[in-house]
Amino acid sequence: MNRADIQQRIPHRDPFLWLDEITELTDTRVTARRFLDPKLPVFSGHYPGFPVFPGVLQCEACFQAGAVLISEIASPAAGQVPVVTRQNSTQFRRLVRPGDTLQIDVELTEQLASAWFMKGRVSVDGQVSARLEFACTLAAVEG
């Protein structure tokens, strides 16, 4: 699944879409990738002279992959978007730098009514950079 396919499933757009492709998608798992172009504006300010990809954006990449998974298993109605309602047990293990390619793995651990509980992992070259647990639900788009 390429960026155009991803954009058909979730509302995120540049400059805040953190998935380039989906390489695996089942009823319980999604695997995605994102190449971190050294020219991304985030690197000019975090941090000048020693650019590091922020951990919060690694989490966001997991959230977006989870939203793709929800779109696969729930087929949200028009006017509904997945939103994060909880984040737990977040750990950052290694720095992520310009030119790295993120591998984003998200697994559905439980579904209760319209709440999805997931575990996410971000890695670079097989080394884990972030782990987290999070929950999502569908929210109505207003306006």
N, C-alpha and C. Protein backbone atom coordinates (compact mmCIF):
# COMPACT_ATOMS: atom_id res chain seq x y z
N MET A 1 0.86 -1.16 0.00
CA MET A 1 0.00 0.00 0.00
C MET A 1 0.91 1.24 0.00
N ASN A 2 0.70 2.13 -0.95
CA ASN A 2 1.53 3.33 -1.05
C ASN A 2 0.85 4.51 -0.35
N ARG A 3 1.47 5.69 -0.44
CA ARG A 3 0.94 6.88 0.26
C ARG A 3 -0.47 7.24 -0.20
N ALA A 4 -0.75 7.11 -1.49
CA ALA A 4 -2.09 7.43 -1.99
C ALA A 4 -3.13 6.48 -1.38
N ASP A 5 -2.79 5.20 -1.27
CA ASP A 5 -3.69 4.22 -0.65
C ASP A 5 -3.89 4.55 0.83
N ILE A 6 -2.81 4.92 1.51
CA ILE A 6 -2.89 5.27 2.93
C ILE A 6 -3.81 6.47 3.11
N GLN A 7 -3.68 7.47 2.24
CA GLN A 7 -4.50 8.68 2.35
C GLN A 7 -5.97 8.41 2.07
N GLN A 8 -6.29 7.32 1.42
CA GLN A 8 -7.69 6.94 1.23
C GLN A 8 -8.28 6.36 2.52
N ARG A 9 -7.41 5.93 3.44
CA ARG A 9 -7.86 5.27 4.66
C ARG A 9 -7.83 6.15 5.90
N ILE A 10 -6.88 7.11 5.94
CA ILE A 10 -6.77 7.97 7.11
C ILE A 10 -6.72 9.43 6.67
N PRO A 11 -7.09 10.37 7.56
CA PRO A 11 -7.17 11.77 7.15
C PRO A 11 -5.85 12.54 7.17
N HIS A 12 -4.77 11.95 7.62
CA HIS A 12 -3.49 12.65 7.74
C HIS A 12 -2.92 13.02 6.38
N ARG A 13 -2.31 14.20 6.32
CA ARG A 13 -1.70 14.69 5.09
C ARG A 13 -0.37 15.36 5.43
N ASP A 14 0.45 15.57 4.39
CA ASP A 14 1.69 16.30 4.60
C ASP A 14 1.37 17.69 5.13
N PRO A 15 2.16 18.20 6.02
CA PRO A 15 3.45 17.68 6.47
C PRO A 15 3.35 16.75 7.69
N PHE A 16 2.15 16.22 7.97
CA PHE A 16 2.00 15.42 9.19
C PHE A 16 1.64 13.96 8.91
N LEU A 17 1.88 13.47 7.72
CA LEU A 17 1.70 12.06 7.42
C LEU A 17 3.06 11.38 7.57
N TRP A 18 3.16 10.45 8.51
CA TRP A 18 4.45 9.84 8.85
C TRP A 18 4.56 8.40 8.36
N LEU A 19 3.79 8.02 7.35
CA LEU A 19 3.87 6.69 6.74
C LEU A 19 4.11 6.83 5.25
N ASP A 20 5.10 6.13 4.72
CA ASP A 20 5.36 6.10 3.28
C ASP A 20 4.66 4.93 2.62
N GLU A 21 4.67 3.78 3.31
CA GLU A 21 4.07 2.58 2.73
C GLU A 21 3.66 1.61 3.83
N ILE A 22 2.68 0.79 3.51
CA ILE A 22 2.27 -0.32 4.38
C ILE A 22 2.79 -1.58 3.71
N THR A 23 3.55 -2.37 4.45
CA THR A 23 4.13 -3.58 3.88
C THR A 23 3.40 -4.84 4.32
N GLU A 24 2.62 -4.74 5.38
CA GLU A 24 1.81 -5.87 5.85
C GLU A 24 0.57 -5.31 6.52
N LEU A 25 -0.58 -5.95 6.25
CA LEU A 25 -1.83 -5.54 6.88
C LEU A 25 -2.72 -6.75 7.01
N THR A 26 -3.03 -7.11 8.27
CA THR A 26 -3.93 -8.22 8.55
C THR A 26 -5.03 -7.69 9.47
N ASP A 27 -5.85 -8.58 10.00
CA ASP A 27 -6.90 -8.17 10.94
C ASP A 27 -6.35 -7.79 12.31
N THR A 28 -5.09 -8.09 12.58
CA THR A 28 -4.53 -7.81 13.90
C THR A 28 -3.18 -7.09 13.88
N ARG A 29 -2.59 -6.91 12.68
CA ARG A 29 -1.25 -6.32 12.60
C ARG A 29 -1.11 -5.42 11.40
N VAL A 30 -0.26 -4.43 11.55
CA VAL A 30 0.14 -3.60 10.42
C VAL A 30 1.63 -3.30 10.56
N THR A 31 2.32 -3.33 9.44
CA THR A 31 3.73 -2.94 9.39
C THR A 31 3.86 -1.86 8.32
N ALA A 32 4.53 -0.78 8.69
CA ALA A 32 4.70 0.35 7.78
C ALA A 32 6.16 0.79 7.79
N ARG A 33 6.49 1.64 6.81
CA ARG A 33 7.83 2.22 6.74
C ARG A 33 7.73 3.72 6.48
N ARG A 34 8.76 4.42 6.95
CA ARG A 34 8.89 5.85 6.66
C ARG A 34 10.37 6.20 6.56
N PHE A 35 10.78 6.72 5.40
CA PHE A 35 12.14 7.22 5.22
C PHE A 35 12.17 8.65 5.73
N LEU A 36 13.16 8.95 6.56
CA LEU A 36 13.31 10.29 7.14
C LEU A 36 14.31 11.09 6.33
N ASP A 37 13.77 11.79 5.35
CA ASP A 37 14.59 12.62 4.48
C ASP A 37 15.33 13.66 5.32
N PRO A 38 16.65 13.76 5.15
CA PRO A 38 17.41 14.75 5.92
C PRO A 38 16.93 16.18 5.73
N LYS A 39 16.16 16.45 4.66
CA LYS A 39 15.65 17.79 4.39
C LYS A 39 14.34 18.09 5.12
N LEU A 40 13.80 17.14 5.88
CA LEU A 40 12.57 17.41 6.63
C LEU A 40 12.76 18.62 7.54
N PRO A 41 11.81 19.55 7.54
CA PRO A 41 11.94 20.75 8.38
C PRO A 41 12.15 20.46 9.86
N VAL A 42 11.63 19.36 10.36
CA VAL A 42 11.77 19.05 11.78
C VAL A 42 13.24 18.96 12.20
N PHE A 43 14.11 18.54 11.27
CA PHE A 43 15.51 18.38 11.62
C PHE A 43 16.25 19.71 11.77
N SER A 44 15.73 20.77 11.20
CA SER A 44 16.41 22.06 11.32
C SER A 44 16.23 22.66 12.71
N GLY A 45 15.22 22.21 13.44
CA GLY A 45 14.99 22.78 14.76
C GLY A 45 15.13 21.80 15.91
N HIS A 46 15.30 20.52 15.62
CA HIS A 46 15.38 19.49 16.67
C HIS A 46 16.55 18.56 16.35
N TYR A 47 17.68 18.84 16.62
CA TYR A 47 18.32 20.00 17.20
C TYR A 47 19.32 20.51 16.20
N PRO A 48 19.49 21.85 16.06
CA PRO A 48 20.49 22.37 15.12
C PRO A 48 21.88 21.83 15.46
N GLY A 49 22.55 21.33 14.44
CA GLY A 49 23.90 20.78 14.65
C GLY A 49 23.91 19.33 15.09
N PHE A 50 22.81 18.81 15.59
CA PHE A 50 22.71 17.40 16.00
C PHE A 50 21.25 16.97 15.83
N PRO A 51 20.79 16.83 14.57
CA PRO A 51 19.38 16.55 14.32
C PRO A 51 18.95 15.17 14.81
N VAL A 52 17.82 15.17 15.51
CA VAL A 52 17.23 13.95 16.07
C VAL A 52 15.74 13.96 15.75
N PHE A 53 15.21 12.84 15.29
CA PHE A 53 13.78 12.74 15.04
C PHE A 53 13.06 12.58 16.38
N PRO A 54 12.10 13.46 16.69
CA PRO A 54 11.47 13.45 18.01
C PRO A 54 10.72 12.16 18.33
N GLY A 55 10.82 11.74 19.57
CA GLY A 55 10.10 10.55 20.03
C GLY A 55 8.60 10.69 19.88
N VAL A 56 8.09 11.89 20.09
CA VAL A 56 6.64 12.09 19.96
C VAL A 56 6.19 11.81 18.53
N LEU A 57 7.03 12.07 17.55
CA LEU A 57 6.67 11.78 16.17
C LEU A 57 6.80 10.30 15.84
N GLN A 58 7.69 9.61 16.54
CA GLN A 58 7.73 8.15 16.42
C GLN A 58 6.41 7.56 16.93
N CYS A 59 5.92 8.10 18.04
CA CYS A 59 4.62 7.66 18.57
C CYS A 59 3.52 7.97 17.57
N GLU A 60 3.55 9.15 16.99
CA GLU A 60 2.54 9.54 15.99
C GLU A 60 2.55 8.58 14.80
N ALA A 61 3.71 8.14 14.37
CA ALA A 61 3.78 7.17 13.27
C ALA A 61 3.05 5.88 13.66
N CYS A 62 3.22 5.45 14.91
CA CYS A 62 2.49 4.27 15.40
C CYS A 62 0.99 4.53 15.41
N PHE A 63 0.58 5.70 15.86
CA PHE A 63 -0.85 6.04 15.90
C PHE A 63 -1.44 5.99 14.50
N GLN A 64 -0.71 6.53 13.53
CA GLN A 64 -1.21 6.54 12.15
C GLN A 64 -1.30 5.13 11.59
N ALA A 65 -0.32 4.29 11.89
CA ALA A 65 -0.38 2.90 11.44
C ALA A 65 -1.58 2.20 12.10
N GLY A 66 -1.80 2.50 13.38
CA GLY A 66 -2.97 1.94 14.07
C GLY A 66 -4.26 2.39 13.42
N ALA A 67 -4.31 3.65 12.95
CA ALA A 67 -5.51 4.15 12.27
C ALA A 67 -5.75 3.39 10.97
N VAL A 68 -4.68 3.05 10.25
CA VAL A 68 -4.83 2.24 9.04
C VAL A 68 -5.39 0.88 9.41
N LEU A 69 -4.90 0.29 10.49
CA LEU A 69 -5.41 -1.00 10.94
C LEU A 69 -6.89 -0.91 11.29
N ILE A 70 -7.29 0.13 12.00
CA ILE A 70 -8.70 0.32 12.34
C ILE A 70 -9.53 0.44 11.06
N SER A 71 -9.02 1.14 10.07
CA SER A 71 -9.77 1.29 8.82
C SER A 71 -9.97 -0.06 8.14
N GLU A 72 -9.04 -0.97 8.35
CA GLU A 72 -9.14 -2.32 7.76
C GLU A 72 -10.18 -3.17 8.47
N ILE A 73 -10.22 -3.08 9.79
CA ILE A 73 -11.10 -3.99 10.54
C ILE A 73 -12.45 -3.39 10.90
N ALA A 74 -12.59 -2.07 10.84
CA ALA A 74 -13.83 -1.44 11.28
C ALA A 74 -14.57 -0.69 10.19
N SER A 75 -13.91 -0.35 9.10
CA SER A 75 -14.53 0.45 8.03
C SER A 75 -15.31 1.62 8.60
N PRO A 76 -14.62 2.61 9.19
CA PRO A 76 -15.31 3.75 9.78
C PRO A 76 -16.27 4.43 8.81
N ALA A 77 -17.37 4.89 9.32
CA ALA A 77 -18.36 5.60 8.52
C ALA A 77 -17.80 6.95 8.09
N ALA A 78 -18.37 7.50 7.03
CA ALA A 78 -17.97 8.84 6.60
C ALA A 78 -18.18 9.80 7.76
N GLY A 79 -17.23 10.70 7.95
CA GLY A 79 -17.34 11.66 9.03
C GLY A 79 -16.78 11.16 10.35
N GLN A 80 -16.15 9.99 10.35
CA GLN A 80 -15.51 9.47 11.57
C GLN A 80 -14.01 9.34 11.33
N VAL A 81 -13.24 9.71 12.34
CA VAL A 81 -11.78 9.55 12.27
C VAL A 81 -11.30 8.87 13.55
N PRO A 82 -10.24 8.06 13.43
CA PRO A 82 -9.67 7.44 14.63
C PRO A 82 -8.88 8.47 15.43
N VAL A 83 -9.05 8.46 16.74
CA VAL A 83 -8.29 9.35 17.62
C VAL A 83 -7.69 8.54 18.77
N VAL A 84 -6.54 8.97 19.22
CA VAL A 84 -5.88 8.31 20.35
C VAL A 84 -6.54 8.79 21.64
N THR A 85 -6.85 7.85 22.52
CA THR A 85 -7.47 8.19 23.80
C THR A 85 -6.56 7.90 24.99
N ARG A 86 -5.51 7.13 24.77
CA ARG A 86 -4.63 6.77 25.88
C ARG A 86 -3.28 6.33 25.33
N GLN A 87 -2.23 6.62 26.08
CA GLN A 87 -0.89 6.13 25.76
C GLN A 87 -0.23 5.70 27.06
N ASN A 88 0.34 4.51 27.06
CA ASN A 88 0.96 3.96 28.26
C ASN A 88 2.32 3.34 27.93
N SER A 89 3.11 3.15 28.97
CA SER A 89 4.34 2.34 28.91
C SER A 89 5.24 2.71 27.74
N THR A 90 5.43 3.99 27.49
CA THR A 90 6.26 4.43 26.38
C THR A 90 7.73 4.40 26.79
N GLN A 91 8.55 3.84 25.92
CA GLN A 91 9.98 3.76 26.16
C GLN A 91 10.71 4.17 24.88
N PHE A 92 11.76 4.95 25.03
CA PHE A 92 12.61 5.32 23.90
C PHE A 92 13.97 4.68 24.12
N ARG A 93 14.46 3.97 23.11
CA ARG A 93 15.66 3.14 23.26
C ARG A 93 16.88 3.62 22.49
N ARG A 94 16.67 4.33 21.39
CA ARG A 94 17.81 4.76 20.57
C ARG A 94 17.44 6.02 19.83
N LEU A 95 18.46 6.81 19.49
CA LEU A 95 18.23 8.02 18.71
C LEU A 95 17.89 7.66 17.27
N VAL A 96 17.03 8.45 16.67
CA VAL A 96 16.68 8.30 15.27
C VAL A 96 17.18 9.55 14.56
N ARG A 97 17.91 9.35 13.48
CA ARG A 97 18.63 10.46 12.82
C ARG A 97 18.17 10.63 11.38
N PRO A 98 18.49 11.77 10.77
CA PRO A 98 18.17 11.98 9.36
C PRO A 98 18.75 10.86 8.49
N GLY A 99 17.96 10.44 7.51
CA GLY A 99 18.39 9.36 6.61
C GLY A 99 17.99 7.98 7.09
N ASP A 100 17.53 7.86 8.33
CA ASP A 100 17.07 6.56 8.83
C ASP A 100 15.72 6.21 8.19
N THR A 101 15.43 4.92 8.14
CA THR A 101 14.12 4.44 7.73
C THR A 101 13.48 3.76 8.92
N LEU A 102 12.31 4.28 9.30
CA LEU A 102 11.55 3.69 10.41
C LEU A 102 10.79 2.47 9.93
N GLN A 103 10.82 1.44 10.72
CA GLN A 103 9.87 0.33 10.55
C GLN A 103 8.90 0.44 11.71
N ILE A 104 7.62 0.52 11.40
CA ILE A 104 6.58 0.72 12.39
C ILE A 104 5.72 -0.54 12.44
N ASP A 105 5.66 -1.18 13.59
CA ASP A 105 4.85 -2.39 13.77
C ASP A 105 3.81 -2.10 14.83
N VAL A 106 2.55 -2.33 14.50
CA VAL A 106 1.45 -2.14 15.44
C VAL A 106 0.62 -3.41 15.46
N GLU A 107 0.27 -3.82 16.68
CA GLU A 107 -0.52 -5.03 16.87
C GLU A 107 -1.75 -4.71 17.71
N LEU A 108 -2.89 -5.18 17.26
CA LEU A 108 -4.13 -5.07 18.04
C LEU A 108 -4.08 -6.11 19.14
N THR A 109 -4.21 -5.67 20.39
CA THR A 109 -4.18 -6.61 21.51
C THR A 109 -5.57 -6.91 22.06
N GLU A 110 -6.50 -5.95 21.88
CA GLU A 110 -7.86 -6.15 22.39
C GLU A 110 -8.78 -5.12 21.75
N GLN A 111 -10.04 -5.55 21.55
CA GLN A 111 -11.06 -4.61 21.11
C GLN A 111 -12.26 -4.74 22.04
N LEU A 112 -12.69 -3.63 22.59
CA LEU A 112 -13.87 -3.58 23.45
C LEU A 112 -14.81 -2.54 22.85
N ALA A 113 -15.93 -2.99 22.31
CA ALA A 113 -16.90 -2.11 21.65
C ALA A 113 -16.17 -1.27 20.61
N SER A 114 -16.18 0.05 20.76
CA SER A 114 -15.52 0.90 19.77
C SER A 114 -14.16 1.41 20.26
N ALA A 115 -13.51 0.65 21.11
CA ALA A 115 -12.16 0.98 21.60
C ALA A 115 -11.19 -0.11 21.15
N TRP A 116 -10.08 0.32 20.58
CA TRP A 116 -9.05 -0.59 20.13
C TRP A 116 -7.80 -0.35 20.96
N PHE A 117 -7.25 -1.42 21.53
CA PHE A 117 -6.04 -1.35 22.34
C PHE A 117 -4.90 -1.98 21.53
N MET A 118 -3.79 -1.25 21.46
CA MET A 118 -2.70 -1.67 20.58
C MET A 118 -1.34 -1.52 21.24
N LYS A 119 -0.38 -2.28 20.70
CA LYS A 119 1.03 -2.14 21.06
C LYS A 119 1.77 -1.72 19.81
N GLY A 120 2.66 -0.76 19.97
CA GLY A 120 3.45 -0.29 18.84
C GLY A 120 4.93 -0.39 19.11
N ARG A 121 5.68 -0.56 18.01
CA ARG A 121 7.14 -0.62 18.11
C ARG A 121 7.70 0.07 16.86
N VAL A 122 8.68 0.93 17.08
CA VAL A 122 9.39 1.58 15.99
C VAL A 122 10.83 1.07 16.06
N SER A 123 11.37 0.70 14.91
CA SER A 123 12.76 0.25 14.88
C SER A 123 13.47 0.81 13.66
N VAL A 124 14.79 0.86 13.77
CA VAL A 124 15.66 1.30 12.69
C VAL A 124 16.77 0.26 12.58
N ASP A 125 16.91 -0.30 11.40
CA ASP A 125 17.94 -1.33 11.17
C ASP A 125 17.86 -2.45 12.20
N GLY A 126 16.65 -2.85 12.55
CA GLY A 126 16.45 -3.95 13.48
C GLY A 126 16.60 -3.60 14.95
N GLN A 127 16.95 -2.35 15.26
CA GLN A 127 17.11 -1.92 16.65
C GLN A 127 15.89 -1.10 17.06
N VAL A 128 15.28 -1.47 18.17
CA VAL A 128 14.08 -0.78 18.64
C VAL A 128 14.44 0.64 19.08
N SER A 129 13.68 1.61 18.57
CA SER A 129 13.86 3.00 19.00
C SER A 129 12.74 3.45 19.92
N ALA A 130 11.55 2.87 19.78
CA ALA A 130 10.42 3.23 20.66
C ALA A 130 9.47 2.06 20.79
N ARG A 131 8.89 1.95 21.98
CA ARG A 131 7.81 0.98 22.27
C ARG A 131 6.72 1.74 23.00
N LEU A 132 5.48 1.38 22.74
CA LEU A 132 4.38 2.03 23.44
C LEU A 132 3.13 1.18 23.35
N GLU A 133 2.21 1.47 24.24
CA GLU A 133 0.87 0.92 24.22
C GLU A 133 -0.08 2.10 24.08
N PHE A 134 -1.16 1.91 23.31
CA PHE A 134 -2.10 3.01 23.14
C PHE A 134 -3.49 2.47 22.82
N ALA A 135 -4.46 3.34 22.98
CA ALA A 135 -5.84 3.01 22.67
C ALA A 135 -6.42 4.07 21.75
N CYS A 136 -7.34 3.64 20.88
CA CYS A 136 -7.99 4.54 19.94
C CYS A 136 -9.50 4.29 19.95
N THR A 137 -10.23 5.29 19.54
CA THR A 137 -11.65 5.17 19.29
C THR A 137 -11.99 6.04 18.09
N LEU A 138 -13.22 5.94 17.61
CA LEU A 138 -13.65 6.77 16.49
C LEU A 138 -14.34 8.01 17.02
N ALA A 139 -14.06 9.13 16.40
CA ALA A 139 -14.69 10.40 16.78
C ALA A 139 -15.34 10.99 15.54
N ALA A 140 -16.44 11.68 15.75
CA ALA A 140 -17.14 12.34 14.65
C ALA A 140 -16.41 13.62 14.28
N VAL A 141 -16.26 13.82 12.99
CA VAL A 141 -15.67 15.06 12.49
C VAL A 141 -16.75 16.14 12.55
N GLU A 142 -16.40 17.24 13.16
CA GLU A 142 -17.36 18.35 13.27
C GLU A 142 -17.00 19.44 12.28
N GLY A 143 -18.02 20.15 11.82
CA GLY A 143 -17.76 21.31 11.00
C GLY A 143 -18.02 21.06 9.60
